[in-house]
Amino acid sequence: MKRAFAQRQIPTLLGLGVLIASLVGGIAFIGTGGGVFAPRATPQTTPKNLKITNVKDTGLTISFMTDEATAGFVKYGKSADSMTTQASDDRDQLAGTVNQYSSHYITLRDLDPGTEYFFTVGTTSVPKFDNNGVPFTVKTANRGGSPTAAKTAYGTINNSTGAPADGAIVYMTMNGVAELSALVKGSGSWAIPLSNARTADLSGYANLQPTDTVQIFVQGTQINETGAAQLPVSDTQPVPTITLGSGSAATDTGLQAESTQTAPEEFTTASEDSLASLSTTETDTENTGAGPITDPNELTAIAMRSPVPSTQPEMETQNTQMVDTVDLTIPEQQTVETGQPTITGKAAPNILITVQVNSETQITTQVQTDAEGNFVLPLSNGDQTLEPGEHTVTYSYTDPVTGEEKSVTRTFFVSGPGNDTALLAQANPSPTPFGSQNPFTIPSPSPSPSLLPSPTASASATPSASPRVVVPATDSAIPRSGSTSVTIALIVGGFFMIGLGVWSYRYNLRQALIDSEEDSA
């Protein structure tokens, strides 16, 4: 009598062979990335428009874009086999937590001069993005030479709605000069110390002249959101406000000085209508990840300064007197012209307080207050000098009466000798927490006489940008993501459950046959 199909048995060795062959084949299939079930990186989180800027002897900046917000990082080392150091986004280093961005700005610090470094970039779903299977390479500048006079280019970036373009990246190029960049802060402000500019071959510091042409390209948080400008070095303090547009639809990016700002009372200037307006026409900056960002040569930026009749017969300017003391009892941002200012403040009497100055090189010291609670800290007694730009200073102490920890933070701006930024009237005086990151945060400036148009000035130049370090995204550089070990564990678990089910079925069937035979007997 033929047995029922359910009672037929598969030879044990044959069954084990099928299971082992299936397991090995599945692992090999997944390991090679074939099939629709293989885990892959999404194009939305694959790095695009990778750029290397701010190269100096001890550091550099790596920036890139992703279509969607994700966490980004850089792994680097002195050889391709020892990329063990990881750096996160500058904003993450400030916040102390990892966040997701579509514009990624990562500064590598404490590097050795004149040294070649290997690096890869990564995101949450693309842990390793390299240069067609090999790491990217970059060499730091050699130490030596003297920087030019302290001068900082700065300005404000707004998005198409007029809100601050937080997270946008400003790229600055000049002929024969290595590219510089800055991250736009939450207030919309940005700053680039021109004293850090190096020659294109990194052989020394660049000798910038006031008439040198500067090309500015702004990459918004969306790849098709850009802005551009062209102007001489002498007009970069400040750069008129840039409003970002969206691709070719943005025929006017609103690249103009803000007419809503009012001049401080100590200035007697021409009317607001005499502020220079800048207009730009952008070409489509659509980027698909297969090539670099649109070069400024393809973005026509014409800066026109038209003379406007003034109702006043003369324009008189009163210079704002610069100070070399930062008074921490004043909440408004102060400007000093020295890199070694004297810091004063007031706390509880006869106690020891801790003062911390956040700069590229952090300064932390302690000072004793007098019987009235006043303290004075002259930074000129030390050997450290603050670089031009915005800094924060925090002093903290324990209240002797309540035992409570108290802390006060203030911001101040170092302009450097002869820097016209002394005329800057800060529009956002509230202090902002700031760490040791670069670039510096500069609040939105009010118009100063440096923004007034010249009766004869008319500039229309064609950008001639120096070569940029741009790495396009290529298909071969997109790695496979996912976890093979988890997949293997799931496959093994699945086979185990199948085997357990087969064993249970056969056991129950055998028991049923035994019970049937006993009943027949």
Protein backbone atom coordinates (compact mmCIF):
# COMPACT_ATOMS: atom_id res chain seq x y z
CA MET A 1 0.00 0.00 0.00
CA LYS A 2 1.41 3.34 -0.93
CA ARG A 3 2.02 5.79 1.87
CA ALA A 4 0.24 9.10 1.90
CA PHE A 5 2.24 12.08 0.68
CA ALA A 6 2.34 13.53 4.21
CA GLN A 7 3.93 10.32 5.45
CA ARG A 8 6.74 10.27 2.92
CA GLN A 9 10.20 11.05 4.30
CA ILE A 10 13.04 12.98 2.74
CA PRO A 11 16.44 11.35 3.28
CA THR A 12 18.27 13.06 6.12
CA LEU A 13 21.54 13.60 4.24
CA LEU A 14 19.71 15.06 1.26
CA GLY A 15 17.83 17.48 3.50
CA LEU A 16 20.99 18.61 5.26
CA GLY A 17 22.72 19.08 1.92
CA VAL A 18 19.92 21.30 0.62
CA LEU A 19 19.96 23.41 3.80
CA ILE A 20 23.74 23.87 3.75
CA ALA A 21 23.78 24.70 0.03
CA SER A 22 20.99 27.24 0.50
CA LEU A 23 22.78 28.85 3.43
CA VAL A 24 26.12 29.15 1.63
CA GLY A 25 24.48 30.40 -1.56
CA GLY A 26 22.43 32.98 0.30
CA ILE A 27 25.46 34.34 2.13
CA ALA A 28 27.48 34.56 -1.09
CA PHE A 29 24.56 36.17 -2.92
CA ILE A 30 24.08 38.86 -0.28
CA GLY A 31 27.81 39.38 0.20
CA THR A 32 28.25 40.33 -3.46
CA GLY A 33 25.36 42.77 -3.29
CA GLY A 34 23.24 41.06 -5.93
CA GLY A 35 19.50 40.91 -6.10
CA VAL A 36 16.72 43.15 -4.95
CA PHE A 37 17.15 42.11 -1.34
CA ALA A 38 20.67 43.48 -0.95
CA PRO A 39 20.91 46.53 1.36
CA ARG A 40 22.08 49.62 -0.48
CA ALA A 41 22.86 53.25 0.22
CA THR A 42 20.15 55.69 -0.74
CA PRO A 43 21.01 58.46 -3.20
CA GLN A 44 19.37 60.95 -0.84
CA THR A 45 22.07 60.42 1.80
CA THR A 46 25.05 59.91 -0.50
CA PRO A 47 27.65 62.74 -0.20
CA LYS A 48 27.75 65.20 -3.09
CA ASN A 49 29.86 68.25 -3.98
CA LEU A 50 32.70 67.41 -1.61
CA LYS A 51 35.09 70.34 -1.20
CA ILE A 52 38.32 70.96 0.72
CA THR A 53 38.82 74.53 1.95
CA ASN A 54 40.61 76.58 4.63
CA VAL A 55 43.80 74.53 4.24
CA LYS A 56 46.48 75.78 6.63
CA ASP A 57 49.42 74.26 8.48
CA THR A 58 47.39 72.82 11.38
CA GLY A 59 43.95 72.20 9.93
CA LEU A 60 41.49 72.25 7.05
CA THR A 61 37.75 72.06 6.37
CA ILE A 62 35.84 69.37 4.48
CA SER A 63 32.30 70.14 3.37
CA PHE A 64 29.73 68.25 1.34
CA MET A 65 25.98 68.08 0.68
CA THR A 66 23.28 65.43 0.92
CA ASP A 67 19.78 65.60 -0.52
CA GLU A 68 18.26 64.69 2.83
CA ALA A 69 19.31 65.53 6.36
CA THR A 70 21.61 62.92 7.91
CA ALA A 71 24.55 62.74 10.29
CA GLY A 72 27.95 63.23 8.65
CA PHE A 73 31.54 62.57 9.66
CA VAL A 74 35.10 62.27 8.36
CA LYS A 75 37.60 59.51 9.14
CA TYR A 76 41.23 60.40 8.52
CA GLY A 77 44.83 59.43 9.19
CA LYS A 78 48.37 59.69 7.86
CA SER A 79 48.06 56.50 5.83
CA ALA A 80 45.29 54.70 4.00
CA ASP A 81 45.47 51.85 6.51
CA SER A 82 45.32 53.98 9.66
CA MET A 83 42.32 56.26 9.24
CA THR A 84 41.33 55.82 12.88
CA THR A 85 40.54 59.42 13.82
CA GLN A 86 36.96 60.58 13.31
CA ALA A 87 35.70 64.17 13.21
CA SER A 88 32.05 65.20 13.35
CA ASP A 89 30.25 68.29 12.10
CA ASP A 90 31.34 71.59 13.64
CA ARG A 91 27.80 72.11 14.94
CA ASP A 92 27.85 68.71 16.64
CA GLN A 93 31.14 69.56 18.32
CA LEU A 94 29.55 72.71 19.69
CA ALA A 95 26.31 71.07 20.80
CA GLY A 96 27.89 67.90 22.13
CA THR A 97 25.30 65.77 20.34
CA VAL A 98 25.06 64.27 16.86
CA ASN A 99 22.39 65.91 14.69
CA GLN A 100 21.25 65.58 11.10
CA TYR A 101 22.03 68.16 8.41
CA SER A 102 21.86 68.37 4.63
CA SER A 103 24.89 70.69 4.52
CA HIS A 104 27.89 69.17 6.26
CA TYR A 105 30.83 71.26 7.51
CA ILE A 106 33.64 69.40 9.27
CA THR A 107 36.90 70.99 10.42
CA LEU A 108 39.98 68.84 11.04
CA ARG A 109 42.23 70.33 13.72
CA ASP A 110 45.62 69.68 15.30
CA LEU A 111 47.14 68.41 12.06
CA ASP A 112 50.86 68.34 11.32
CA PRO A 113 52.29 70.93 8.90
CA GLY A 114 53.31 69.82 5.42
CA THR A 115 51.80 66.36 5.91
CA GLU A 116 49.66 64.28 3.57
CA TYR A 117 46.44 62.97 5.10
CA PHE A 118 44.08 60.28 3.84
CA PHE A 119 40.37 60.53 4.54
CA THR A 120 36.91 59.24 3.72
CA VAL A 121 33.57 60.85 4.46
CA GLY A 122 30.46 59.11 5.68
CA THR A 123 26.83 59.45 6.62
CA THR A 124 24.39 57.28 8.54
CA SER A 125 23.57 55.08 5.52
CA VAL A 126 26.87 55.56 3.67
CA PRO A 127 29.55 54.82 6.26
CA LYS A 128 32.38 55.01 3.74
CA PHE A 129 32.44 57.33 0.73
CA ASP A 130 35.81 57.39 -1.01
CA ASN A 131 37.46 58.24 -4.31
CA ASN A 132 36.60 55.26 -6.51
CA GLY A 133 37.78 52.69 -4.00
CA VAL A 134 40.71 54.63 -2.55
CA PRO A 135 40.74 57.32 0.16
CA PHE A 136 40.85 61.01 -0.67
CA THR A 137 44.15 62.74 0.01
CA VAL A 138 45.07 66.28 1.03
CA LYS A 139 48.30 67.90 2.18
CA THR A 140 48.48 70.59 4.84
CA ALA A 141 50.40 73.82 4.29
CA ASN A 142 53.97 74.25 5.45
CA ARG A 143 54.60 76.29 8.56
CA GLY A 144 56.23 79.66 8.12
CA GLY A 145 55.67 83.06 6.60
CA SER A 146 53.84 86.07 7.92
CA PRO A 147 50.08 86.59 7.50
CA THR A 148 48.80 89.80 6.01
CA ALA A 149 47.22 92.54 8.09
CA ALA A 150 44.27 91.35 10.14
CA LYS A 151 41.15 91.78 8.04
CA THR A 152 37.92 89.79 8.13
CA ALA A 153 35.33 89.51 5.36
CA TYR A 154 31.86 89.15 6.80
CA GLY A 155 28.20 89.57 5.98
CA THR A 156 24.71 88.12 6.26
CA ILE A 157 22.94 85.40 4.26
CA ASN A 158 19.14 85.09 4.10
CA ASN A 159 17.02 82.44 2.44
CA SER A 160 14.28 83.17 -0.08
CA THR A 161 11.77 83.94 2.70
CA GLY A 162 14.06 86.53 4.26
CA ALA A 163 14.91 84.36 7.27
CA PRO A 164 18.55 83.72 8.24
CA ALA A 165 20.05 80.97 6.08
CA ASP A 166 21.23 78.89 9.02
CA GLY A 167 23.52 76.07 7.85
CA ALA A 168 24.40 77.55 4.45
CA ILE A 169 28.07 77.51 3.43
CA VAL A 170 29.93 80.51 2.02
CA TYR A 171 32.80 79.76 -0.39
CA MET A 172 35.29 82.50 -1.26
CA THR A 173 37.71 82.28 -4.17
CA MET A 174 40.34 84.68 -5.47
CA ASN A 175 42.84 84.36 -8.27
CA GLY A 176 45.92 82.51 -7.05
CA VAL A 177 44.48 81.97 -3.56
CA ALA A 178 43.42 78.68 -1.95
CA GLU A 179 39.67 78.54 -1.43
CA LEU A 180 38.21 79.73 1.88
CA SER A 181 34.83 78.97 3.43
CA ALA A 182 32.58 79.70 6.39
CA LEU A 183 29.45 78.18 7.88
CA VAL A 184 26.47 80.51 8.22
CA LYS A 185 25.28 80.75 11.82
CA GLY A 186 21.76 80.84 13.18
CA SER A 187 21.70 84.63 12.96
CA GLY A 188 22.51 84.46 9.24
CA SER A 189 25.98 85.90 9.78
CA TRP A 190 29.29 84.57 8.50
CA ALA A 191 32.92 85.62 8.69
CA ILE A 192 36.14 84.61 6.93
CA PRO A 193 39.50 85.90 8.27
CA LEU A 194 41.39 87.00 5.17
CA SER A 195 44.62 86.85 7.16
CA ASN A 196 44.34 83.05 6.89
CA ALA A 197 44.38 83.13 3.08
CA ARG A 198 47.12 81.02 1.52
CA THR A 199 48.46 80.89 -2.00
CA ALA A 200 46.94 78.27 -4.28
CA ASP A 201 50.04 76.06 -3.96
CA LEU A 202 50.03 76.52 -0.14
CA SER A 203 53.62 77.76 -0.26
CA GLY A 204 52.86 80.81 1.90
CA TYR A 205 50.33 83.43 2.89
CA ALA A 206 48.53 85.27 0.10
CA ASN A 207 49.29 88.95 -0.35
CA LEU A 208 45.81 90.38 -0.85
CA GLN A 209 45.30 93.83 -2.29
CA PRO A 210 42.19 96.00 -1.81
CA THR A 211 41.49 95.87 -5.54
CA ASP A 212 41.70 92.08 -5.83
CA THR A 213 38.46 90.51 -7.05
CA VAL A 214 36.62 88.19 -4.71
CA GLN A 215 34.08 85.65 -5.94
CA ILE A 216 31.58 84.49 -3.34
CA PHE A 217 29.43 81.42 -3.88
CA VAL A 218 26.82 80.50 -1.27
CA GLN A 219 25.47 76.96 -1.06
CA GLY A 220 22.18 76.81 0.80
CA THR A 221 20.91 73.84 2.76
CA GLN A 222 19.22 72.60 -0.42
CA ILE A 223 21.46 71.79 -3.38
CA ASN A 224 19.49 74.01 -5.79
CA GLU A 225 19.44 76.93 -3.34
CA THR A 226 22.42 79.14 -4.13
CA GLY A 227 23.65 82.71 -4.33
CA ALA A 228 26.73 84.45 -5.71
CA ALA A 229 28.50 87.79 -5.74
CA GLN A 230 31.64 89.40 -7.07
CA LEU A 231 33.31 92.41 -5.49
CA PRO A 232 36.75 93.77 -4.56
CA VAL A 233 38.45 92.93 -1.27
CA SER A 234 37.89 96.50 -0.10
CA ASP A 235 34.11 95.96 -0.18
CA THR A 236 34.01 92.79 1.92
CA GLN A 237 33.63 94.58 5.26
CA PRO A 238 30.78 94.01 5.17
CA VAL A 239 29.61 92.15 2.10
CA PRO A 240 26.06 93.32 1.28
CA THR A 241 23.36 90.90 2.38
CA ILE A 242 22.91 87.95 0.01
CA THR A 243 19.47 86.38 -0.40
CA LEU A 244 19.46 82.86 -1.78
CA GLY A 245 17.40 81.86 -4.81
CA SER A 246 16.37 78.49 -6.19
CA GLY A 247 18.11 77.42 -9.39
CA SER A 248 17.37 79.17 -12.68
CA ALA A 249 14.07 80.45 -11.35
CA ALA A 250 15.94 82.90 -9.16
CA THR A 251 16.63 85.69 -11.62
CA ASP A 252 17.15 88.10 -8.73
CA THR A 253 18.72 86.76 -5.56
CA GLY A 254 18.15 90.00 -3.70
CA LEU A 255 21.87 90.57 -3.32
CA GLN A 256 21.56 93.96 -1.75
CA ALA A 257 22.15 95.93 1.40
CA GLU A 258 19.21 95.65 3.76
CA SER A 259 17.12 98.79 3.61
CA THR A 260 15.43 97.95 6.92
CA GLN A 261 18.60 98.56 8.90
CA THR A 262 19.11 101.94 10.47
CA ALA A 263 22.41 103.67 10.97
CA PRO A 264 23.57 104.34 14.55
CA GLU A 265 23.03 107.80 15.96
CA GLU A 266 26.73 108.66 16.03
CA PHE A 267 26.81 108.53 12.23
CA THR A 268 25.57 111.36 10.06
CA THR A 269 25.26 109.83 6.61
CA ALA A 270 23.24 110.00 3.44
CA SER A 271 19.71 108.60 3.39
CA GLU A 272 19.02 104.88 3.39
CA ASP A 273 18.01 105.08 -0.26
CA SER A 274 21.64 105.79 -1.12
CA LEU A 275 22.74 102.30 -0.06
CA ALA A 276 24.21 100.34 -2.96
CA SER A 277 22.09 97.54 -4.40
CA LEU A 278 23.50 94.44 -5.94
CA SER A 279 21.63 92.16 -8.30
CA THR A 280 22.62 88.77 -9.62
CA THR A 281 21.39 86.47 -12.34
CA GLU A 282 22.04 82.81 -11.64
CA THR A 283 22.20 79.92 -14.02
CA ASP A 284 20.60 76.66 -13.09
CA THR A 285 22.66 75.09 -10.33
CA GLU A 286 20.95 71.74 -10.40
CA ASN A 287 23.37 69.11 -9.16
CA THR A 288 22.74 65.43 -9.57
CA GLY A 289 25.73 64.22 -7.60
CA ALA A 290 27.62 63.23 -10.74
CA GLY A 291 29.67 66.41 -10.95
CA PRO A 292 30.87 69.46 -9.08
CA ILE A 293 28.79 72.45 -8.14
CA THR A 294 28.29 75.22 -10.62
CA ASP A 295 31.43 77.25 -11.00
CA PRO A 296 31.14 80.97 -10.27
CA ASN A 297 32.19 81.59 -13.86
CA GLU A 298 28.72 80.36 -14.81
CA LEU A 299 27.05 82.70 -12.37
CA THR A 300 26.94 86.27 -13.58
CA ALA A 301 27.11 88.64 -10.64
CA ILE A 302 27.16 92.33 -11.51
CA ALA A 303 27.67 94.74 -8.64
CA MET A 304 26.37 98.19 -9.57
CA ARG A 305 26.87 101.21 -7.38
CA SER A 306 24.64 103.97 -8.75
CA PRO A 307 24.98 107.49 -7.40
CA VAL A 308 21.76 108.65 -5.78
CA PRO A 309 21.27 112.35 -5.07
CA SER A 310 21.32 113.07 -1.37
CA THR A 311 19.24 115.73 0.29
CA GLN A 312 22.23 116.60 2.47
CA PRO A 313 24.96 118.85 1.07
CA GLU A 314 27.67 116.85 2.84
CA MET A 315 28.25 113.47 4.38
CA GLU A 316 30.00 113.71 7.71
CA THR A 317 31.31 110.65 9.46
CA GLN A 318 32.28 110.39 13.07
CA ASN A 319 34.68 107.56 13.79
CA THR A 320 33.73 105.21 16.54
CA GLN A 321 36.48 105.14 19.11
CA MET A 322 38.00 101.70 19.51
CA VAL A 323 38.65 100.27 22.93
CA ASP A 324 40.99 97.56 24.17
CA THR A 325 38.91 96.54 27.20
CA VAL A 326 36.05 94.06 27.34
CA ASP A 327 33.69 94.98 30.17
CA LEU A 328 31.68 91.91 31.11
CA THR A 329 29.13 93.99 32.99
CA ILE A 330 27.89 95.27 29.61
CA PRO A 331 25.57 92.75 27.89
CA GLU A 332 25.98 94.26 24.40
CA GLN A 333 28.71 92.99 22.13
CA GLN A 334 31.84 95.12 22.26
CA THR A 335 34.57 95.61 19.67
CA VAL A 336 38.29 95.80 20.42
CA GLU A 337 41.16 96.37 18.04
CA THR A 338 43.74 94.29 19.86
CA GLY A 339 44.17 90.54 20.05
CA GLN A 340 45.16 90.83 23.72
CA PRO A 341 42.37 92.87 25.33
CA THR A 342 41.90 93.47 29.04
CA ILE A 343 38.84 91.70 30.46
CA THR A 344 37.05 93.29 33.40
CA GLY A 345 33.95 92.29 35.31
CA LYS A 346 32.20 92.10 38.63
CA ALA A 347 31.29 89.15 40.86
CA ALA A 348 31.12 88.43 44.58
CA PRO A 349 33.90 90.08 46.65
CA ASN A 350 37.10 88.28 47.61
CA ILE A 351 36.50 85.04 45.72
CA LEU A 352 38.35 83.07 43.07
CA ILE A 353 36.61 83.03 39.68
CA THR A 354 37.37 81.06 36.53
CA VAL A 355 37.57 82.95 33.23
CA GLN A 356 37.41 81.06 29.94
CA VAL A 357 37.94 82.68 26.54
CA ASN A 358 36.72 80.58 23.62
CA SER A 359 39.03 81.02 20.66
CA GLU A 360 40.83 78.71 18.25
CA THR A 361 43.15 78.22 21.19
CA GLN A 362 41.07 78.18 24.35
CA ILE A 363 42.28 80.34 27.24
CA THR A 364 41.29 79.33 30.78
CA THR A 365 42.60 81.04 33.90
CA GLN A 366 41.60 82.08 37.41
CA VAL A 367 41.58 85.53 38.96
CA GLN A 368 40.78 86.94 42.41
CA THR A 369 38.12 89.61 42.91
CA ASP A 370 38.76 92.59 45.16
CA ALA A 371 36.76 93.73 48.17
CA GLU A 372 34.08 95.20 45.89
CA GLY A 373 33.88 92.16 43.62
CA ASN A 374 35.74 93.71 40.68
CA PHE A 375 38.34 91.77 38.72
CA VAL A 376 40.76 92.58 35.91
CA LEU A 377 42.37 90.08 33.55
CA PRO A 378 44.89 91.54 31.07
CA LEU A 379 45.46 89.00 28.30
CA SER A 380 48.58 90.95 27.33
CA ASN A 381 50.35 89.25 30.25
CA GLY A 382 50.15 85.95 28.38
CA ASP A 383 51.64 84.75 25.11
CA GLN A 384 48.36 84.02 23.34
CA THR A 385 46.70 86.39 20.89
CA LEU A 386 43.08 86.22 19.79
CA GLU A 387 42.48 86.03 16.05
CA PRO A 388 40.15 88.55 14.35
CA GLY A 389 36.48 87.66 14.60
CA GLU A 390 33.89 86.98 17.26
CA HIS A 391 34.78 85.35 20.56
CA THR A 392 32.97 84.50 23.76
CA VAL A 393 34.21 84.84 27.31
CA THR A 394 32.62 83.06 30.25
CA TYR A 395 33.37 83.64 33.92
CA SER A 396 32.02 81.34 36.60
CA TYR A 397 32.22 81.16 40.37
CA THR A 398 30.51 79.72 43.42
CA ASP A 399 28.34 82.20 45.30
CA PRO A 400 29.75 82.28 48.86
CA VAL A 401 26.30 83.02 50.31
CA THR A 402 24.06 80.52 48.55
CA GLY A 403 26.69 78.02 47.37
CA GLU A 404 25.15 78.20 43.90
CA GLU A 405 27.26 77.94 40.75
CA LYS A 406 26.94 81.13 38.70
CA SER A 407 28.11 81.71 35.16
CA VAL A 408 27.99 84.71 32.82
CA THR A 409 28.80 84.64 29.09
CA ARG A 410 29.49 87.64 26.87
CA THR A 411 30.56 88.03 23.26
CA PHE A 412 33.09 90.47 21.86
CA PHE A 413 34.61 91.14 18.47
CA VAL A 414 38.31 91.49 17.65
CA SER A 415 38.76 93.60 14.54
CA GLY A 416 42.53 93.90 14.43
CA PRO A 417 44.53 97.12 13.89
CA GLY A 418 43.33 99.25 11.04
CA ASN A 419 40.28 97.11 10.42
CA ASP A 420 37.23 99.00 9.30
CA THR A 421 35.00 96.63 11.22
CA ALA A 422 35.39 99.02 14.14
CA LEU A 423 32.56 100.94 12.53
CA LEU A 424 30.26 98.00 12.85
CA ALA A 425 27.09 98.62 14.89
CA GLN A 426 25.90 95.22 16.01
CA ALA A 427 22.24 94.49 15.24
CA ASN A 428 22.03 91.42 17.45
CA PRO A 429 23.71 92.20 20.78
CA SER A 430 22.45 89.17 22.69
CA PRO A 431 25.29 86.76 23.55
CA THR A 432 25.40 83.42 21.83
CA PRO A 433 27.20 80.37 23.27
CA PHE A 434 30.27 79.70 21.19
CA GLY A 435 33.07 77.19 21.44
CA SER A 436 36.40 76.74 19.77
CA GLN A 437 35.00 76.26 16.32
CA ASN A 438 35.73 78.14 13.12
CA PRO A 439 34.30 80.25 11.45
CA PHE A 440 33.31 83.04 13.76
CA THR A 441 29.76 84.24 14.27
CA ILE A 442 29.23 87.86 13.31
CA PRO A 443 25.80 89.43 14.03
CA SER A 444 24.03 91.18 11.19
CA PRO A 445 25.70 94.57 10.72
CA SER A 446 23.95 97.90 10.36
CA PRO A 447 24.89 100.00 7.32
CA SER A 448 27.98 102.08 7.87
CA PRO A 449 29.63 104.72 5.67
CA SER A 450 31.63 101.95 4.01
CA LEU A 451 28.42 100.86 2.29
CA LEU A 452 27.73 104.26 0.72
CA PRO A 453 28.07 104.33 -3.05
CA SER A 454 30.85 106.14 -4.75
CA PRO A 455 29.62 108.75 -7.29
CA THR A 456 31.72 107.17 -10.04
CA ALA A 457 32.14 103.56 -8.97
CA SER A 458 30.79 101.07 -11.51
CA ALA A 459 32.08 97.54 -11.59
CA SER A 460 31.21 94.71 -13.93
CA ALA A 461 33.74 91.93 -13.96
CA THR A 462 33.87 88.37 -15.12
CA PRO A 463 34.85 85.96 -12.37
CA SER A 464 38.14 84.15 -12.82
CA ALA A 465 38.04 81.69 -9.99
CA SER A 466 41.07 79.68 -8.97
CA PRO A 467 40.65 75.92 -9.32
CA ARG A 468 38.48 74.40 -6.62
CA VAL A 469 39.00 71.06 -4.97
CA VAL A 470 35.73 69.39 -5.95
CA VAL A 471 35.14 65.66 -5.87
CA PRO A 472 32.12 64.45 -7.88
CA ALA A 473 29.98 61.57 -6.72
CA THR A 474 30.43 58.47 -8.87
CA ASP A 475 28.56 55.20 -8.92
CA SER A 476 31.71 53.21 -8.17
CA ALA A 477 32.31 55.30 -5.08
CA ILE A 478 28.92 54.53 -3.59
CA PRO A 479 29.41 51.73 -1.08
CA ARG A 480 26.98 49.04 -0.11
CA SER A 481 25.40 49.59 3.25
CA GLY A 482 23.65 47.21 5.59
CA SER A 483 24.68 44.59 8.13
CA THR A 484 25.61 41.15 6.76
CA SER A 485 25.95 39.64 10.22
CA VAL A 486 22.34 40.47 11.09
CA THR A 487 21.16 38.96 7.80
CA ILE A 488 23.09 35.76 8.44
CA ALA A 489 21.64 35.51 11.94
CA LEU A 490 18.11 35.87 10.54
CA ILE A 491 18.74 33.17 7.91
CA VAL A 492 20.13 30.75 10.50
CA GLY A 493 17.20 31.49 12.79
CA GLY A 494 14.77 30.88 9.94
CA PHE A 495 16.28 27.50 9.09
CA PHE A 496 16.21 26.57 12.76
CA MET A 497 12.51 27.36 13.01
CA ILE A 498 11.80 25.39 9.81
CA GLY A 499 13.69 22.40 11.18
CA LEU A 500 11.89 22.66 14.49
CA GLY A 501 8.54 22.70 12.67
CA VAL A 502 9.44 19.64 10.58
CA TRP A 503 10.61 17.74 13.64
CA SER A 504 7.44 18.64 15.55
CA TYR A 505 5.24 17.54 12.64
CA ARG A 506 7.00 14.19 12.30
CA TYR A 507 6.92 13.62 16.05
CA ASN A 508 3.20 14.28 16.24
CA LEU A 509 2.58 12.08 13.21
CA ARG A 510 4.56 9.20 14.76
CA GLN A 511 2.67 9.57 18.02
CA ALA A 512 -0.61 9.46 16.12
CA LEU A 513 0.43 6.24 14.39
CA ILE A 514 1.42 4.65 17.71
CA ASP A 515 -1.88 5.65 19.27
CA SER A 516 -3.73 4.24 16.24
CA GLU A 517 -1.93 0.90 16.49
CA GLU A 518 -2.64 0.68 20.23
CA ASP A 519 -6.33 1.34 19.61
CA SER A 520 -6.43 -1.38 16.93
CA ALA A 521 -4.85 -3.85 19.30
